[in-house]
Amino acid sequence: MNTLLIRGEPFGPFQRLYVFKDNEKIESIGVQMEDLDEVAFDLIKRYDIKHINLSGARLYMQGIEKQLKEAGITTYSLDDLTFKYV
């Protein structure tokens, strides 16, 4: 199973995204907040990801989860993503 891990950095210039396939990291990238949706959904599509793990300050990551859920439905026609806080 492929998984996307998003490590939120509320005070850093980048959000860190990691793609795991069978618990092995296969890709990592740092993105600015304004590019997060586009890059995240590119990875989701490329690796057929359905599970997203969120790591970082809980309130901050809840905002990212909401942002991704809204973009998934309105822009990318995806409503079957599962989010988990790790």
PDB file of N, CA and C in Angstrom:
ATOM      1  N   MET A   1       0.839  -1.176   0.000  1.00  0.00           N
ATOM      2  CA  MET A   1       0.000   0.000   0.000  1.00  0.00           C
ATOM      3  C   MET A   1       0.889   1.246   0.000  1.00  0.00           C
ATOM      4  N   ASN A   2       0.528   2.204  -0.817  1.00  0.00           N
ATOM      5  CA  ASN A   2       1.260   3.461  -0.890  1.00  0.00           C
ATOM      6  C   ASN A   2       0.625   4.478   0.049  1.00  0.00           C
ATOM      7  N   THR A   3       1.480   5.233   0.733  1.00  0.00           N
ATOM      8  CA  THR A   3       1.027   6.211   1.711  1.00  0.00           C
ATOM      9  C   THR A   3       1.787   7.509   1.514  1.00  0.00           C
ATOM     10  N   LEU A   4       1.091   8.616   1.744  1.00  0.00           N
ATOM     11  CA  LEU A   4       1.718   9.933   1.726  1.00  0.00           C
ATOM     12  C   LEU A   4       1.790  10.430   3.157  1.00  0.00           C
ATOM     13  N   LEU A   5       2.971  10.848   3.581  1.00  0.00           N
ATOM     14  CA  LEU A   5       3.161  11.455   4.894  1.00  0.00           C
ATOM     15  C   LEU A   5       3.441  12.936   4.671  1.00  0.00           C
ATOM     16  N   ILE A   6       2.664  13.782   5.328  1.00  0.00           N
ATOM     17  CA  ILE A   6       2.891  15.225   5.261  1.00  0.00           C
ATOM     18  C   ILE A   6       3.347  15.685   6.630  1.00  0.00           C
ATOM     19  N   ARG A   7       4.541  16.230   6.679  1.00  0.00           N
ATOM     20  CA  ARG A   7       5.108  16.771   7.919  1.00  0.00           C
ATOM     21  C   ARG A   7       4.956  18.278   7.850  1.00  0.00           C
ATOM     22  N   GLY A   8       4.020  18.799   8.622  1.00  0.00           N
ATOM     23  CA  GLY A   8       3.734  20.229   8.596  1.00  0.00           C
ATOM     24  C   GLY A   8       4.735  21.028   9.414  1.00  0.00           C
ATOM     25  N   GLU A   9       5.176  22.117   8.853  1.00  0.00           N
ATOM     26  CA  GLU A   9       6.112  23.035   9.509  1.00  0.00           C
ATOM     27  C   GLU A   9       5.485  24.423   9.544  1.00  0.00           C
ATOM     28  N   PRO A  10       4.727  24.755  10.610  1.00  0.00           N
ATOM     29  CA  PRO A  10       4.024  26.038  10.630  1.00  0.00           C
ATOM     30  C   PRO A  10       4.936  27.260  10.546  1.00  0.00           C
ATOM     31  N   PHE A  11       6.171  27.141  10.992  1.00  0.00           N
ATOM     32  CA  PHE A  11       7.068  28.286  10.982  1.00  0.00           C
ATOM     33  C   PHE A  11       8.208  28.138   9.987  1.00  0.00           C
ATOM     34  N   GLY A  12       8.231  27.034   9.264  1.00  0.00           N
ATOM     35  CA  GLY A  12       9.278  26.800   8.277  1.00  0.00           C
ATOM     36  C   GLY A  12       8.808  27.204   6.888  1.00  0.00           C
ATOM     37  N   PRO A  13       9.747  27.341   5.969  1.00  0.00           N
ATOM     38  CA  PRO A  13       9.370  27.749   4.612  1.00  0.00           C
ATOM     39  C   PRO A  13       8.742  26.618   3.792  1.00  0.00           C
ATOM     40  N   PHE A  14       8.928  25.380   4.228  1.00  0.00           N
ATOM     41  CA  PHE A  14       8.455  24.240   3.449  1.00  0.00           C
ATOM     42  C   PHE A  14       7.642  23.273   4.288  1.00  0.00           C
ATOM     43  N   GLN A  15       6.704  22.595   3.621  1.00  0.00           N
ATOM     44  CA  GLN A  15       6.004  21.445   4.170  1.00  0.00           C
ATOM     45  C   GLN A  15       6.714  20.238   3.548  1.00  0.00           C
ATOM     46  N   ARG A  16       6.957  19.228   4.318  1.00  0.00           N
ATOM     47  CA  ARG A  16       7.680  18.048   3.820  1.00  0.00           C
ATOM     48  C   ARG A  16       6.686  16.948   3.454  1.00  0.00           C
ATOM     49  N   LEU A  17       6.836  16.399   2.262  1.00  0.00           N
ATOM     50  CA  LEU A  17       5.985  15.309   1.787  1.00  0.00           C
ATOM     51  C   LEU A  17       6.864  14.108   1.507  1.00  0.00           C
ATOM     52  N   TYR A  18       6.421  12.956   2.000  1.00  0.00           N
ATOM     53  CA  TYR A  18       7.151  11.702   1.816  1.00  0.00           C
ATOM     54  C   TYR A  18       6.193  10.653   1.276  1.00  0.00           C
ATOM     55  N   VAL A  19       6.617   9.919   0.270  1.00  0.00           N
ATOM     56  CA  VAL A  19       5.815   8.823  -0.267  1.00  0.00           C
ATOM     57  C   VAL A  19       6.447   7.518   0.190  1.00  0.00           C
ATOM     58  N   PHE A  20       5.611   6.647   0.765  1.00  0.00           N
ATOM     59  CA  PHE A  20       6.058   5.336   1.216  1.00  0.00           C
ATOM     60  C   PHE A  20       5.339   4.261   0.420  1.00  0.00           C
ATOM     61  N   LYS A  21       6.092   3.277  -0.021  1.00  0.00           N
ATOM     62  CA  LYS A  21       5.536   2.102  -0.679  1.00  0.00           C
ATOM     63  C   LYS A  21       5.997   0.895   0.120  1.00  0.00           C
ATOM     64  N   ASP A  22       5.045   0.159   0.665  1.00  0.00           N
ATOM     65  CA  ASP A  22       5.354  -1.000   1.508  1.00  0.00           C
ATOM     66  C   ASP A  22       6.336  -0.622   2.614  1.00  0.00           C
ATOM     67  N   ASN A  23       6.066   0.498   3.282  1.00  0.00           N
ATOM     68  CA  ASN A  23       6.854   1.010   4.413  1.00  0.00           C
ATOM     69  C   ASN A  23       8.272   1.419   4.049  1.00  0.00           C
ATOM     70  N   GLU A  24       8.555   1.630   2.791  1.00  0.00           N
ATOM     71  CA  GLU A  24       9.870   2.099   2.349  1.00  0.00           C
ATOM     72  C   GLU A  24       9.705   3.454   1.665  1.00  0.00           C
ATOM     73  N   LYS A  25      10.489   4.427   2.095  1.00  0.00           N
ATOM     74  CA  LYS A  25      10.401   5.763   1.509  1.00  0.00           C
ATOM     75  C   LYS A  25      10.927   5.723   0.079  1.00  0.00           C
ATOM     76  N   ILE A  26      10.101   6.165  -0.861  1.00  0.00           N
ATOM     77  CA  ILE A  26      10.524   6.147  -2.262  1.00  0.00           C
ATOM     78  C   ILE A  26      10.644   7.555  -2.849  1.00  0.00           C
ATOM     79  N   GLU A  27      10.076   8.550  -2.170  1.00  0.00           N
ATOM     80  CA  GLU A  27      10.218   9.917  -2.657  1.00  0.00           C
ATOM     81  C   GLU A  27       9.993  10.882  -1.504  1.00  0.00           C
ATOM     82  N   SER A  28      10.718  11.996  -1.525  1.00  0.00           N
ATOM     83  CA  SER A  28      10.499  13.058  -0.548  1.00  0.00           C
ATOM     84  C   SER A  28      10.705  14.397  -1.235  1.00  0.00           C
ATOM     85  N   ILE A  29       9.942  15.382  -0.781  1.00  0.00           N
ATOM     86  CA  ILE A  29      10.004  16.700  -1.394  1.00  0.00           C
ATOM     87  C   ILE A  29       9.568  17.743  -0.376  1.00  0.00           C
ATOM     88  N   GLY A  30      10.148  18.915  -0.453  1.00  0.00           N
ATOM     89  CA  GLY A  30       9.724  20.051   0.340  1.00  0.00           C
ATOM     90  C   GLY A  30       8.997  21.028  -0.561  1.00  0.00           C
ATOM     91  N   VAL A  31       7.810  21.469  -0.135  1.00  0.00           N
ATOM     92  CA  VAL A  31       7.029  22.393  -0.951  1.00  0.00           C
ATOM     93  C   VAL A  31       6.575  23.580  -0.124  1.00  0.00           C
ATOM     94  N   GLN A  32       6.427  24.706  -0.786  1.00  0.00           N
ATOM     95  CA  GLN A  32       5.873  25.876  -0.125  1.00  0.00           C
ATOM     96  C   GLN A  32       4.370  25.676   0.022  1.00  0.00           C
ATOM     97  N   MET A  33       3.796  26.334   0.997  1.00  0.00           N
ATOM     98  CA  MET A  33       2.379  26.149   1.315  1.00  0.00           C
ATOM     99  C   MET A  33       1.486  26.411   0.109  1.00  0.00           C
ATOM    100  N   GLU A  34       1.797  27.407  -0.689  1.00  0.00           N
ATOM    101  CA  GLU A  34       0.934  27.729  -1.834  1.00  0.00           C
ATOM    102  C   GLU A  34       0.959  26.655  -2.922  1.00  0.00           C
ATOM    103  N   ASP A  35       1.943  25.767  -2.898  1.00  0.00           N
ATOM    104  CA  ASP A  35       2.037  24.682  -3.876  1.00  0.00           C
ATOM    105  C   ASP A  35       1.612  23.327  -3.310  1.00  0.00           C
ATOM    106  N   LEU A  36       1.210  23.295  -2.059  1.00  0.00           N
ATOM    107  CA  LEU A  36       0.937  22.026  -1.378  1.00  0.00           C
ATOM    108  C   LEU A  36      -0.131  21.193  -2.088  1.00  0.00           C
ATOM    109  N   ASP A  37      -1.268  21.799  -2.406  1.00  0.00           N
ATOM    110  CA  ASP A  37      -2.346  21.033  -3.043  1.00  0.00           C
ATOM    111  C   ASP A  37      -1.883  20.411  -4.354  1.00  0.00           C
ATOM    112  N   GLU A  38      -1.297  21.214  -5.204  1.00  0.00           N
ATOM    113  CA  GLU A  38      -0.881  20.742  -6.527  1.00  0.00           C
ATOM    114  C   GLU A  38       0.120  19.600  -6.428  1.00  0.00           C
ATOM    115  N   VAL A  39       1.134  19.760  -5.586  1.00  0.00           N
ATOM    116  CA  VAL A  39       2.170  18.729  -5.449  1.00  0.00           C
ATOM    117  C   VAL A  39       1.607  17.480  -4.779  1.00  0.00           C
ATOM    118  N   ALA A  40       0.818  17.661  -3.719  1.00  0.00           N
ATOM    119  CA  ALA A  40       0.251  16.517  -3.010  1.00  0.00           C
ATOM    120  C   ALA A  40      -0.627  15.688  -3.950  1.00  0.00           C
ATOM    121  N   PHE A  41      -1.479  16.344  -4.729  1.00  0.00           N
ATOM    122  CA  PHE A  41      -2.367  15.590  -5.608  1.00  0.00           C
ATOM    123  C   PHE A  41      -1.641  15.006  -6.809  1.00  0.00           C
ATOM    124  N   ASP A  42      -0.531  15.603  -7.196  1.00  0.00           N
ATOM    125  CA  ASP A  42       0.304  14.978  -8.229  1.00  0.00           C
ATOM    126  C   ASP A  42       0.869  13.655  -7.702  1.00  0.00           C
ATOM    127  N   LEU A  43       1.369  13.662  -6.469  1.00  0.00           N
ATOM    128  CA  LEU A  43       1.898  12.437  -5.862  1.00  0.00           C
ATOM    129  C   LEU A  43       0.788  11.410  -5.635  1.00  0.00           C
ATOM    130  N   ILE A  44      -0.373  11.874  -5.184  1.00  0.00           N
ATOM    131  CA  ILE A  44      -1.508  10.978  -4.950  1.00  0.00           C
ATOM    132  C   ILE A  44      -1.893  10.262  -6.235  1.00  0.00           C
ATOM    133  N   LYS A  45      -1.941  11.007  -7.323  1.00  0.00           N
ATOM    134  CA  LYS A  45      -2.305  10.409  -8.612  1.00  0.00           C
ATOM    135  C   LYS A  45      -1.195   9.495  -9.120  1.00  0.00           C
ATOM    136  N   ARG A  46       0.050   9.959  -9.052  1.00  0.00           N
ATOM    137  CA  ARG A  46       1.178   9.194  -9.597  1.00  0.00           C
ATOM    138  C   ARG A  46       1.359   7.852  -8.899  1.00  0.00           C
ATOM    139  N   TYR A  47       1.163   7.832  -7.573  1.00  0.00           N
ATOM    140  CA  TYR A  47       1.414   6.605  -6.808  1.00  0.00           C
ATOM    141  C   TYR A  47       0.128   5.909  -6.335  1.00  0.00           C
ATOM    142  N   ASP A  48      -1.024   6.355  -6.820  1.00  0.00           N
ATOM    143  CA  ASP A  48      -2.312   5.769  -6.449  1.00  0.00           C
ATOM    144  C   ASP A  48      -2.460   5.677  -4.927  1.00  0.00           C
ATOM    145  N   ILE A  49      -2.350   6.814  -4.277  1.00  0.00           N
ATOM    146  CA  ILE A  49      -2.385   6.902  -2.816  1.00  0.00           C
ATOM    147  C   ILE A  49      -3.815   7.142  -2.343  1.00  0.00           C
ATOM    148  N   LYS A  50      -4.208   6.425  -1.309  1.00  0.00           N
ATOM    149  CA  LYS A  50      -5.523   6.606  -0.680  1.00  0.00           C
ATOM    150  C   LYS A  50      -5.402   6.978   0.792  1.00  0.00           C
ATOM    151  N   HIS A  51      -4.201   6.807   1.377  1.00  0.00           N
ATOM    152  CA  HIS A  51      -3.980   7.064   2.798  1.00  0.00           C
ATOM    153  C   HIS A  51      -2.948   8.175   2.974  1.00  0.00           C
ATOM    154  N   ILE A  52      -3.326   9.171   3.764  1.00  0.00           N
ATOM    155  CA  ILE A  52      -2.427  10.293   4.038  1.00  0.00           C
ATOM    156  C   ILE A  52      -2.215  10.377   5.542  1.00  0.00           C
ATOM    157  N   ASN A  53      -0.961  10.311   5.951  1.00  0.00           N
ATOM    158  CA  ASN A  53      -0.593  10.492   7.354  1.00  0.00           C
ATOM    159  C   ASN A  53      -0.153  11.930   7.551  1.00  0.00           C
ATOM    160  N   LEU A  54      -0.604  12.532   8.648  1.00  0.00           N
ATOM    161  CA  LEU A  54      -0.279  13.918   8.957  1.00  0.00           C
ATOM    162  C   LEU A  54       0.544  13.962  10.233  1.00  0.00           C
ATOM    163  N   SER A  55       1.635  14.704  10.194  1.00  0.00           N
ATOM    164  CA  SER A  55       2.527  14.813  11.344  1.00  0.00           C
ATOM    165  C   SER A  55       2.864  16.279  11.572  1.00  0.00           C
ATOM    166  N   GLY A  56       2.781  16.697  12.811  1.00  0.00           N
ATOM    167  CA  GLY A  56       3.094  18.086  13.150  1.00  0.00           C
ATOM    168  C   GLY A  56       2.105  18.594  14.186  1.00  0.00           C
ATOM    169  N   ALA A  57       2.119  19.905  14.412  1.00  0.00           N
ATOM    170  CA  ALA A  57       1.204  20.525  15.369  1.00  0.00           C
ATOM    171  C   ALA A  57      -0.243  20.223  14.959  1.00  0.00           C
ATOM    172  N   ARG A  58      -0.998  19.656  15.866  1.00  0.00           N
ATOM    173  CA  ARG A  58      -2.338  19.126  15.549  1.00  0.00           C
ATOM    174  C   ARG A  58      -3.256  20.171  14.899  1.00  0.00           C
ATOM    175  N   LEU A  59      -3.371  21.353  15.475  1.00  0.00           N
ATOM    176  CA  LEU A  59      -4.264  22.362  14.911  1.00  0.00           C
ATOM    177  C   LEU A  59      -3.818  22.774  13.514  1.00  0.00           C
ATOM    178  N   TYR A  60      -2.538  22.889  13.314  1.00  0.00           N
ATOM    179  CA  TYR A  60      -1.998  23.240  12.002  1.00  0.00           C
ATOM    180  C   TYR A  60      -2.312  22.147  10.984  1.00  0.00           C
ATOM    181  N   MET A  61      -2.127  20.913  11.381  1.00  0.00           N
ATOM    182  CA  MET A  61      -2.370  19.793  10.476  1.00  0.00           C
ATOM    183  C   MET A  61      -3.860  19.600  10.198  1.00  0.00           C
ATOM    184  N   GLN A  62      -4.712  19.970  11.141  1.00  0.00           N
ATOM    185  CA  GLN A  62      -6.148  19.916  10.887  1.00  0.00           C
ATOM    186  C   GLN A  62      -6.521  20.896   9.772  1.00  0.00           C
ATOM    187  N   GLY A  63      -5.861  22.037   9.738  1.00  0.00           N
ATOM    188  CA  GLY A  63      -6.081  22.998   8.657  1.00  0.00           C
ATOM    189  C   GLY A  63      -5.635  22.445   7.317  1.00  0.00           C
ATOM    190  N   ILE A  64      -4.501  21.758   7.302  1.00  0.00           N
ATOM    191  CA  ILE A  64      -4.009  21.139   6.062  1.00  0.00           C
ATOM    192  C   ILE A  64      -4.961  20.025   5.620  1.00  0.00           C
ATOM    193  N   GLU A  65      -5.445  19.228   6.574  1.00  0.00           N
ATOM    194  CA  GLU A  65      -6.403  18.170   6.231  1.00  0.00           C
ATOM    195  C   GLU A  65      -7.649  18.776   5.581  1.00  0.00           C
ATOM    196  N   LYS A  66      -8.189  19.825   6.174  1.00  0.00           N
ATOM    197  CA  LYS A  66      -9.382  20.481   5.630  1.00  0.00           C
ATOM    198  C   LYS A  66      -9.108  21.014   4.225  1.00  0.00           C
ATOM    199  N   GLN A  67      -7.958  21.650   4.059  1.00  0.00           N
ATOM    200  CA  GLN A  67      -7.572  22.197   2.756  1.00  0.00           C
ATOM    201  C   GLN A  67      -7.494  21.096   1.697  1.00  0.00           C
ATOM    202  N   LEU A  68      -6.861  19.973   2.038  1.00  0.00           N
ATOM    203  CA  LEU A  68      -6.713  18.872   1.090  1.00  0.00           C
ATOM    204  C   LEU A  68      -8.049  18.194   0.791  1.00  0.00           C
ATOM    205  N   LYS A  69      -8.900  18.042   1.797  1.00  0.00           N
ATOM    206  CA  LYS A  69     -10.214  17.443   1.563  1.00  0.00           C
ATOM    207  C   LYS A  69     -11.032  18.304   0.602  1.00  0.00           C
ATOM    208  N   GLU A  70     -11.026  19.624   0.832  1.00  0.00           N
ATOM    209  CA  GLU A  70     -11.780  20.529  -0.031  1.00  0.00           C
ATOM    210  C   GLU A  70     -11.232  20.520  -1.458  1.00  0.00           C
ATOM    211  N   ALA A  71      -9.914  20.571  -1.604  1.00  0.00           N
ATOM    212  CA  ALA A  71      -9.306  20.543  -2.935  1.00  0.00           C
ATOM    213  C   ALA A  71      -9.569  19.202  -3.609  1.00  0.00           C
ATOM    214  N   GLY A  72      -9.529  18.126  -2.844  1.00  0.00           N
ATOM    215  CA  GLY A  72      -9.778  16.809  -3.405  1.00  0.00           C
ATOM    216  C   GLY A  72     -11.162  16.711  -4.016  1.00  0.00           C
ATOM    217  N   ILE A  73     -12.136  17.270  -3.348  1.00  0.00           N
ATOM    218  CA  ILE A  73     -13.507  17.196  -3.831  1.00  0.00           C
ATOM    219  C   ILE A  73     -13.751  18.194  -4.964  1.00  0.00           C
ATOM    220  N   THR A  74     -13.373  19.440  -4.766  1.00  0.00           N
ATOM    221  CA  THR A  74     -13.711  20.496  -5.731  1.00  0.00           C
ATOM    222  C   THR A  74     -12.831  20.510  -6.972  1.00  0.00           C
ATOM    223  N   THR A  75     -11.541  20.216  -6.821  1.00  0.00           N
ATOM    224  CA  THR A  75     -10.613  20.350  -7.937  1.00  0.00           C
ATOM    225  C   THR A  75     -10.222  19.021  -8.563  1.00  0.00           C
ATOM    226  N   TYR A  76     -10.049  17.993  -7.736  1.00  0.00           N
ATOM    227  CA  TYR A  76      -9.491  16.734  -8.232  1.00  0.00           C
ATOM    228  C   TYR A  76     -10.487  15.575  -8.250  1.00  0.00           C
ATOM    229  N   SER A  77     -11.732  15.815  -7.879  1.00  0.00           N
ATOM    230  CA  SER A  77     -12.793  14.798  -7.869  1.00  0.00           C
ATOM    231  C   SER A  77     -12.405  13.545  -7.082  1.00  0.00           C
ATOM    232  N   LEU A  78     -11.765  13.755  -5.938  1.00  0.00           N
ATOM    233  CA  LEU A  78     -11.385  12.650  -5.045  1.00  0.00           C
ATOM    234  C   LEU A  78     -12.063  12.852  -3.694  1.00  0.00           C
ATOM    235  N   ASP A  79     -12.823  11.873  -3.282  1.00  0.00           N
ATOM    236  CA  ASP A  79     -13.447  11.964  -1.963  1.00  0.00           C
ATOM    237  C   ASP A  79     -13.225  10.700  -1.140  1.00  0.00           C
ATOM    238  N   ASP A  80     -12.248   9.886  -1.566  1.00  0.00           N
ATOM    239  CA  ASP A  80     -12.004   8.619  -0.876  1.00  0.00           C
ATOM    240  C   ASP A  80     -10.648   8.568  -0.166  1.00  0.00           C
ATOM    241  N   LEU A  81     -10.115   9.731   0.194  1.00  0.00           N
ATOM    242  CA  LEU A  81      -8.834   9.769   0.899  1.00  0.00           C
ATOM    243  C   LEU A  81      -9.069   9.575   2.389  1.00  0.00           C
ATOM    244  N   THR A  82      -8.180   8.818   3.021  1.00  0.00           N
ATOM    245  CA  THR A  82      -8.231   8.582   4.456  1.00  0.00           C
ATOM    246  C   THR A  82      -7.080   9.329   5.117  1.00  0.00           C
ATOM    247  N   PHE A  83      -7.378  10.085   6.165  1.00  0.00           N
ATOM    248  CA  PHE A  83      -6.368  10.849   6.889  1.00  0.00           C
ATOM    249  C   PHE A  83      -6.158  10.258   8.277  1.00  0.00           C
ATOM    250  N   LYS A  84      -4.893  10.246   8.705  1.00  0.00           N
ATOM    251  CA  LYS A  84      -4.543   9.718  10.034  1.00  0.00           C
ATOM    252  C   LYS A  84      -3.458  10.617  10.613  1.00  0.00           C
ATOM    253  N   TYR A  85      -3.575  10.920  11.901  1.00  0.00           N
ATOM    254  CA  TYR A  85      -2.551  11.705  12.586  1.00  0.00           C
ATOM    255  C   TYR A  85      -1.535  10.772  13.232  1.00  0.00           C
ATOM    256  N   VAL A  86      -0.272  11.017  12.915  1.00  0.00           N
ATOM    257  CA  VAL A  86       0.794  10.163  13.454  1.00  0.00           C
ATOM    258  C   VAL A  86       1.790  10.978  14.242  1.00  0.00           C
TER     259      VAL A  86
END
